[in-house]
Amino acid sequence: MPEDLSVIGFDDAPEAERWSLTTVRQPMREKGRLAAEMLHDLLNGQAPAGIVELPAELVVRGTTGPPG
């Protein structure tokens, strides 16, 4: 890698930086907070919040190369 194959992870786990893995980062605390809030609402008979979009950021590291 990355000469023949690019590899991309998701959620930017701490291991991603250690292994120089290119990844997509989302705000993990916000994602957890929203998931807990939606679960709470469902358990209390409230309608789901619908579609929730969170920002995403591409963090380019050593596991991606230019297109072939």
PDB file of N, CA and C in Angstrom:
ATOM      1  N   MET A   1       0.854  -1.161   0.000  1.00  0.00           N
ATOM      2  CA  MET A   1       0.000   0.000   0.000  1.00  0.00           C
ATOM      3  C   MET A   1       0.902   1.226   0.000  1.00  0.00           C
ATOM      4  N   PRO A   2       0.573   2.288  -0.533  1.00  0.00           N
ATOM      5  CA  PRO A   2      -0.609   2.564  -1.333  1.00  0.00           C
ATOM      6  C   PRO A   2      -0.354   2.474  -2.837  1.00  0.00           C
ATOM      7  N   GLU A   3       0.747   1.859  -3.238  1.00  0.00           N
ATOM      8  CA  GLU A   3       1.067   1.829  -4.660  1.00  0.00           C
ATOM      9  C   GLU A   3       0.018   1.068  -5.475  1.00  0.00           C
ATOM     10  N   ASP A   4      -0.448  -0.084  -4.979  1.00  0.00           N
ATOM     11  CA  ASP A   4      -1.387  -0.920  -5.717  1.00  0.00           C
ATOM     12  C   ASP A   4      -2.807  -0.877  -5.160  1.00  0.00           C
ATOM     13  N   LEU A   5      -2.953  -0.492  -3.917  1.00  0.00           N
ATOM     14  CA  LEU A   5      -4.256  -0.540  -3.254  1.00  0.00           C
ATOM     15  C   LEU A   5      -4.329   0.543  -2.201  1.00  0.00           C
ATOM     16  N   SER A   6      -5.401   1.318  -2.214  1.00  0.00           N
ATOM     17  CA  SER A   6      -5.640   2.295  -1.153  1.00  0.00           C
ATOM     18  C   SER A   6      -6.629   1.699  -0.163  1.00  0.00           C
ATOM     19  N   VAL A   7      -6.389   1.951   1.120  1.00  0.00           N
ATOM     20  CA  VAL A   7      -7.256   1.448   2.185  1.00  0.00           C
ATOM     21  C   VAL A   7      -7.696   2.636   3.030  1.00  0.00           C
ATOM     22  N   ILE A   8      -9.007   2.682   3.307  1.00  0.00           N
ATOM     23  CA  ILE A   8      -9.558   3.782   4.098  1.00  0.00           C
ATOM     24  C   ILE A   8     -10.415   3.196   5.208  1.00  0.00           C
ATOM     25  N   GLY A   9     -10.217   3.673   6.405  1.00  0.00           N
ATOM     26  CA  GLY A   9     -11.026   3.264   7.549  1.00  0.00           C
ATOM     27  C   GLY A   9     -12.129   4.278   7.813  1.00  0.00           C
ATOM     28  N   PHE A  10     -12.875   4.041   8.889  1.00  0.00           N
ATOM     29  CA  PHE A  10     -13.963   4.944   9.250  1.00  0.00           C
ATOM     30  C   PHE A  10     -13.967   5.144  10.755  1.00  0.00           C
ATOM     31  N   ASP A  11     -14.201   6.358  11.177  1.00  0.00           N
ATOM     32  CA  ASP A  11     -14.330   6.803  12.575  1.00  0.00           C
ATOM     33  C   ASP A  11     -13.022   7.221  13.220  1.00  0.00           C
ATOM     34  N   ASP A  12     -11.918   7.142  12.526  1.00  0.00           N
ATOM     35  CA  ASP A  12     -10.630   7.636  13.023  1.00  0.00           C
ATOM     36  C   ASP A  12     -10.314   7.134  14.430  1.00  0.00           C
ATOM     37  N   ALA A  13     -10.378   5.824  14.610  1.00  0.00           N
ATOM     38  CA  ALA A  13     -10.001   5.214  15.885  1.00  0.00           C
ATOM     39  C   ALA A  13      -8.540   5.543  16.188  1.00  0.00           C
ATOM     40  N   PRO A  14      -8.137   5.524  17.447  1.00  0.00           N
ATOM     41  CA  PRO A  14      -6.747   5.862  17.787  1.00  0.00           C
ATOM     42  C   PRO A  14      -5.717   5.021  17.026  1.00  0.00           C
ATOM     43  N   GLU A  15      -6.042   3.778  16.729  1.00  0.00           N
ATOM     44  CA  GLU A  15      -5.111   2.922  16.001  1.00  0.00           C
ATOM     45  C   GLU A  15      -4.865   3.425  14.578  1.00  0.00           C
ATOM     46  N   ALA A  16      -5.819   4.155  14.020  1.00  0.00           N
ATOM     47  CA  ALA A  16      -5.673   4.649  12.647  1.00  0.00           C
ATOM     48  C   ALA A  16      -4.444   5.537  12.502  1.00  0.00           C
ATOM     49  N   GLU A  17      -4.233   6.415  13.453  1.00  0.00           N
ATOM     50  CA  GLU A  17      -3.063   7.296  13.378  1.00  0.00           C
ATOM     51  C   GLU A  17      -1.776   6.501  13.564  1.00  0.00           C
ATOM     52  N   ARG A  18      -1.791   5.567  14.492  1.00  0.00           N
ATOM     53  CA  ARG A  18      -0.592   4.760  14.747  1.00  0.00           C
ATOM     54  C   ARG A  18      -0.178   3.978  13.509  1.00  0.00           C
ATOM     55  N   TRP A  19      -1.155   3.462  12.735  1.00  0.00           N
ATOM     56  CA  TRP A  19      -0.863   2.679  11.538  1.00  0.00           C
ATOM     57  C   TRP A  19      -0.860   3.526  10.271  1.00  0.00           C
ATOM     58  N   SER A  20      -0.995   4.843  10.426  1.00  0.00           N
ATOM     59  CA  SER A  20      -1.011   5.774   9.297  1.00  0.00           C
ATOM     60  C   SER A  20      -2.131   5.447   8.312  1.00  0.00           C
ATOM     61  N   LEU A  21      -3.292   5.041   8.862  1.00  0.00           N
ATOM     62  CA  LEU A  21      -4.451   4.669   8.066  1.00  0.00           C
ATOM     63  C   LEU A  21      -5.263   5.908   7.694  1.00  0.00           C
ATOM     64  N   THR A  22      -5.490   6.107   6.412  1.00  0.00           N
ATOM     65  CA  THR A  22      -6.406   7.154   5.963  1.00  0.00           C
ATOM     66  C   THR A  22      -7.793   6.790   6.472  1.00  0.00           C
ATOM     67  N   THR A  23      -8.543   7.773   6.927  1.00  0.00           N
ATOM     68  CA  THR A  23      -9.826   7.475   7.558  1.00  0.00           C
ATOM     69  C   THR A  23     -10.819   8.617   7.368  1.00  0.00           C
ATOM     70  N   VAL A  24     -12.061   8.321   7.647  1.00  0.00           N
ATOM     71  CA  VAL A  24     -13.114   9.335   7.678  1.00  0.00           C
ATOM     72  C   VAL A  24     -13.435   9.580   9.138  1.00  0.00           C
ATOM     73  N   ARG A  25     -13.426  10.836   9.526  1.00  0.00           N
ATOM     74  CA  ARG A  25     -13.655  11.206  10.930  1.00  0.00           C
ATOM     75  C   ARG A  25     -15.033  11.846  11.069  1.00  0.00           C
ATOM     76  N   GLN A  26     -15.760  11.429  12.098  1.00  0.00           N
ATOM     77  CA  GLN A  26     -17.015  12.073  12.484  1.00  0.00           C
ATOM     78  C   GLN A  26     -16.917  12.431  13.957  1.00  0.00           C
ATOM     79  N   PRO A  27     -17.731  13.371  14.412  1.00  0.00           N
ATOM     80  CA  PRO A  27     -17.694  13.732  15.836  1.00  0.00           C
ATOM     81  C   PRO A  27     -18.297  12.597  16.677  1.00  0.00           C
ATOM     82  N   MET A  28     -17.440  11.755  17.253  1.00  0.00           N
ATOM     83  CA  MET A  28     -17.898  10.554  17.937  1.00  0.00           C
ATOM     84  C   MET A  28     -18.764  10.854  19.156  1.00  0.00           C
ATOM     85  N   ARG A  29     -18.398  11.850  19.936  1.00  0.00           N
ATOM     86  CA  ARG A  29     -19.216  12.180  21.121  1.00  0.00           C
ATOM     87  C   ARG A  29     -20.605  12.632  20.703  1.00  0.00           C
ATOM     88  N   GLU A  30     -20.670  13.459  19.677  1.00  0.00           N
ATOM     89  CA  GLU A  30     -21.964  13.944  19.193  1.00  0.00           C
ATOM     90  C   GLU A  30     -22.786  12.780  18.638  1.00  0.00           C
ATOM     91  N   LYS A  31     -22.134  11.873  17.930  1.00  0.00           N
ATOM     92  CA  LYS A  31     -22.839  10.711  17.388  1.00  0.00           C
ATOM     93  C   LYS A  31     -23.414   9.860  18.525  1.00  0.00           C
ATOM     94  N   GLY A  32     -22.635   9.648  19.566  1.00  0.00           N
ATOM     95  CA  GLY A  32     -23.110   8.887  20.721  1.00  0.00           C
ATOM     96  C   GLY A  32     -24.236   9.587  21.448  1.00  0.00           C
ATOM     97  N   ARG A  33     -24.104  10.904  21.605  1.00  0.00           N
ATOM     98  CA  ARG A  33     -25.145  11.674  22.282  1.00  0.00           C
ATOM     99  C   ARG A  33     -26.450  11.592  21.513  1.00  0.00           C
ATOM    100  N   LEU A  34     -26.385  11.771  20.200  1.00  0.00           N
ATOM    101  CA  LEU A  34     -27.590  11.711  19.380  1.00  0.00           C
ATOM    102  C   LEU A  34     -28.217  10.319  19.389  1.00  0.00           C
ATOM    103  N   ALA A  35     -27.394   9.283  19.351  1.00  0.00           N
ATOM    104  CA  ALA A  35     -27.914   7.912  19.386  1.00  0.00           C
ATOM    105  C   ALA A  35     -28.636   7.655  20.706  1.00  0.00           C
ATOM    106  N   ALA A  36     -28.050   8.094  21.822  1.00  0.00           N
ATOM    107  CA  ALA A  36     -28.688   7.911  23.128  1.00  0.00           C
ATOM    108  C   ALA A  36     -30.000   8.687  23.202  1.00  0.00           C
ATOM    109  N   GLU A  37     -30.002   9.891  22.670  1.00  0.00           N
ATOM    110  CA  GLU A  37     -31.212  10.717  22.666  1.00  0.00           C
ATOM    111  C   GLU A  37     -32.318  10.060  21.832  1.00  0.00           C
ATOM    112  N   MET A  38     -31.961   9.524  20.677  1.00  0.00           N
ATOM    113  CA  MET A  38     -32.947   8.871  19.821  1.00  0.00           C
ATOM    114  C   MET A  38     -33.492   7.601  20.478  1.00  0.00           C
ATOM    115  N   LEU A  39     -32.617   6.828  21.122  1.00  0.00           N
ATOM    116  CA  LEU A  39     -33.064   5.629  21.820  1.00  0.00           C
ATOM    117  C   LEU A  39     -33.999   5.992  22.967  1.00  0.00           C
ATOM    118  N   HIS A  40     -33.642   7.015  23.720  1.00  0.00           N
ATOM    119  CA  HIS A  40     -34.489   7.489  24.816  1.00  0.00           C
ATOM    120  C   HIS A  40     -35.869   7.867  24.296  1.00  0.00           C
ATOM    121  N   ASP A  41     -35.908   8.600  23.203  1.00  0.00           N
ATOM    122  CA  ASP A  41     -37.189   9.006  22.615  1.00  0.00           C
ATOM    123  C   ASP A  41     -38.017   7.790  22.199  1.00  0.00           C
ATOM    124  N   LEU A  42     -37.376   6.825  21.551  1.00  0.00           N
ATOM    125  CA  LEU A  42     -38.096   5.625  21.116  1.00  0.00           C
ATOM    126  C   LEU A  42     -38.660   4.851  22.302  1.00  0.00           C
ATOM    127  N   LEU A  43     -37.860   4.706  23.350  1.00  0.00           N
ATOM    128  CA  LEU A  43     -38.306   3.973  24.527  1.00  0.00           C
ATOM    129  C   LEU A  43     -39.439   4.684  25.265  1.00  0.00           C
ATOM    130  N   ASN A  44     -39.555   5.985  25.046  1.00  0.00           N
ATOM    131  CA  ASN A  44     -40.613   6.762  25.687  1.00  0.00           C
ATOM    132  C   ASN A  44     -41.766   7.066  24.737  1.00  0.00           C
ATOM    133  N   GLY A  45     -41.843   6.301  23.645  1.00  0.00           N
ATOM    134  CA  GLY A  45     -42.979   6.405  22.739  1.00  0.00           C
ATOM    135  C   GLY A  45     -42.992   7.625  21.835  1.00  0.00           C
ATOM    136  N   GLN A  46     -41.885   8.319  21.740  1.00  0.00           N
ATOM    137  CA  GLN A  46     -41.825   9.498  20.878  1.00  0.00           C
ATOM    138  C   GLN A  46     -41.357   9.095  19.479  1.00  0.00           C
ATOM    139  N   ALA A  47     -41.773   9.868  18.510  1.00  0.00           N
ATOM    140  CA  ALA A  47     -41.390   9.600  17.118  1.00  0.00           C
ATOM    141  C   ALA A  47     -39.880   9.773  16.952  1.00  0.00           C
ATOM    142  N   PRO A  48     -39.268   8.935  16.107  1.00  0.00           N
ATOM    143  CA  PRO A  48     -37.835   9.108  15.838  1.00  0.00           C
ATOM    144  C   PRO A  48     -37.551  10.478  15.231  1.00  0.00           C
ATOM    145  N   ALA A  49     -36.328  10.937  15.426  1.00  0.00           N
ATOM    146  CA  ALA A  49     -35.939  12.267  14.943  1.00  0.00           C
ATOM    147  C   ALA A  49     -35.850  12.330  13.427  1.00  0.00           C
ATOM    148  N   GLY A  50     -35.842  11.191  12.760  1.00  0.00           N
ATOM    149  CA  GLY A  50     -35.690  11.196  11.308  1.00  0.00           C
ATOM    150  C   GLY A  50     -34.232  11.099  10.931  1.00  0.00           C
ATOM    151  N   ILE A  51     -33.905  11.578   9.764  1.00  0.00           N
ATOM    152  CA  ILE A  51     -32.528  11.491   9.279  1.00  0.00           C
ATOM    153  C   ILE A  51     -31.680  12.553   9.964  1.00  0.00           C
ATOM    154  N   VAL A  52     -30.543  12.124  10.463  1.00  0.00           N
ATOM    155  CA  VAL A  52     -29.596  13.033  11.109  1.00  0.00           C
ATOM    156  C   VAL A  52     -28.288  12.930  10.341  1.00  0.00           C
ATOM    157  N   GLU A  53     -27.781  14.038   9.893  1.00  0.00           N
ATOM    158  CA  GLU A  53     -26.498  14.062   9.189  1.00  0.00           C
ATOM    159  C   GLU A  53     -25.449  14.732  10.056  1.00  0.00           C
ATOM    160  N   LEU A  54     -24.318  14.078  10.170  1.00  0.00           N
ATOM    161  CA  LEU A  54     -23.196  14.642  10.911  1.00  0.00           C
ATOM    162  C   LEU A  54     -22.094  14.992   9.925  1.00  0.00           C
ATOM    163  N   PRO A  55     -21.283  15.986  10.257  1.00  0.00           N
ATOM    164  CA  PRO A  55     -20.186  16.330   9.356  1.00  0.00           C
ATOM    165  C   PRO A  55     -19.161  15.196   9.317  1.00  0.00           C
ATOM    166  N   ALA A  56     -18.519  15.045   8.194  1.00  0.00           N
ATOM    167  CA  ALA A  56     -17.469  14.043   8.028  1.00  0.00           C
ATOM    168  C   ALA A  56     -16.243  14.722   7.432  1.00  0.00           C
ATOM    169  N   GLU A  57     -15.090  14.252   7.858  1.00  0.00           N
ATOM    170  CA  GLU A  57     -13.823  14.830   7.384  1.00  0.00           C
ATOM    171  C   GLU A  57     -12.909  13.695   6.935  1.00  0.00           C
ATOM    172  N   LEU A  58     -12.358  13.816   5.756  1.00  0.00           N
ATOM    173  CA  LEU A  58     -11.389  12.841   5.271  1.00  0.00           C
ATOM    174  C   LEU A  58     -10.020  13.196   5.837  1.00  0.00           C
ATOM    175  N   VAL A  59      -9.414  12.256   6.550  1.00  0.00           N
ATOM    176  CA  VAL A  59      -8.085  12.441   7.123  1.00  0.00           C
ATOM    177  C   VAL A  59      -7.121  11.570   6.311  1.00  0.00           C
ATOM    178  N   VAL A  60      -6.368  12.208   5.430  1.00  0.00           N
ATOM    179  CA  VAL A  60      -5.465  11.476   4.529  1.00  0.00           C
ATOM    180  C   VAL A  60      -4.153  11.189   5.254  1.00  0.00           C
ATOM    181  N   ARG A  61      -3.811   9.910   5.259  1.00  0.00           N
ATOM    182  CA  ARG A  61      -2.545   9.482   5.857  1.00  0.00           C
ATOM    183  C   ARG A  61      -1.810   8.623   4.832  1.00  0.00           C
ATOM    184  N   GLY A  62      -1.120   7.609   5.271  1.00  0.00           N
ATOM    185  CA  GLY A  62      -0.223   6.883   4.381  1.00  0.00           C
ATOM    186  C   GLY A  62      -0.799   5.711   3.606  1.00  0.00           C
ATOM    187  N   THR A  63      -2.083   5.405   3.755  1.00  0.00           N
ATOM    188  CA  THR A  63      -2.610   4.209   3.092  1.00  0.00           C
ATOM    189  C   THR A  63      -3.400   4.518   1.826  1.00  0.00           C
ATOM    190  N   THR A  64      -3.294   5.728   1.334  1.00  0.00           N
ATOM    191  CA  THR A  64      -3.948   6.073   0.068  1.00  0.00           C
ATOM    192  C   THR A  64      -2.921   6.692  -0.866  1.00  0.00           C
ATOM    193  N   GLY A  65      -3.092   6.367  -2.138  1.00  0.00           N
ATOM    194  CA  GLY A  65      -2.208   6.901  -3.156  1.00  0.00           C
ATOM    195  C   GLY A  65      -3.018   7.483  -4.295  1.00  0.00           C
ATOM    196  N   PRO A  66      -2.353   8.031  -5.290  1.00  0.00           N
ATOM    197  CA  PRO A  66      -3.053   8.602  -6.424  1.00  0.00           C
ATOM    198  C   PRO A  66      -3.720   7.502  -7.266  1.00  0.00           C
ATOM    199  N   PRO A  67      -4.763   7.857  -8.006  1.00  0.00           N
ATOM    200  CA  PRO A  67      -5.412   6.856  -8.872  1.00  0.00           C
ATOM    201  C   PRO A  67      -4.418   6.278  -9.875  1.00  0.00           C
ATOM    202  N   GLY A  68      -4.650   5.022 -10.239  1.00  0.00           N
ATOM    203  CA  GLY A  68      -3.749   4.317 -11.160  1.00  0.00           C
ATOM    204  C   GLY A  68      -3.912   4.724 -12.519  1.00  0.00           C
TER     205      GLY A  68
END
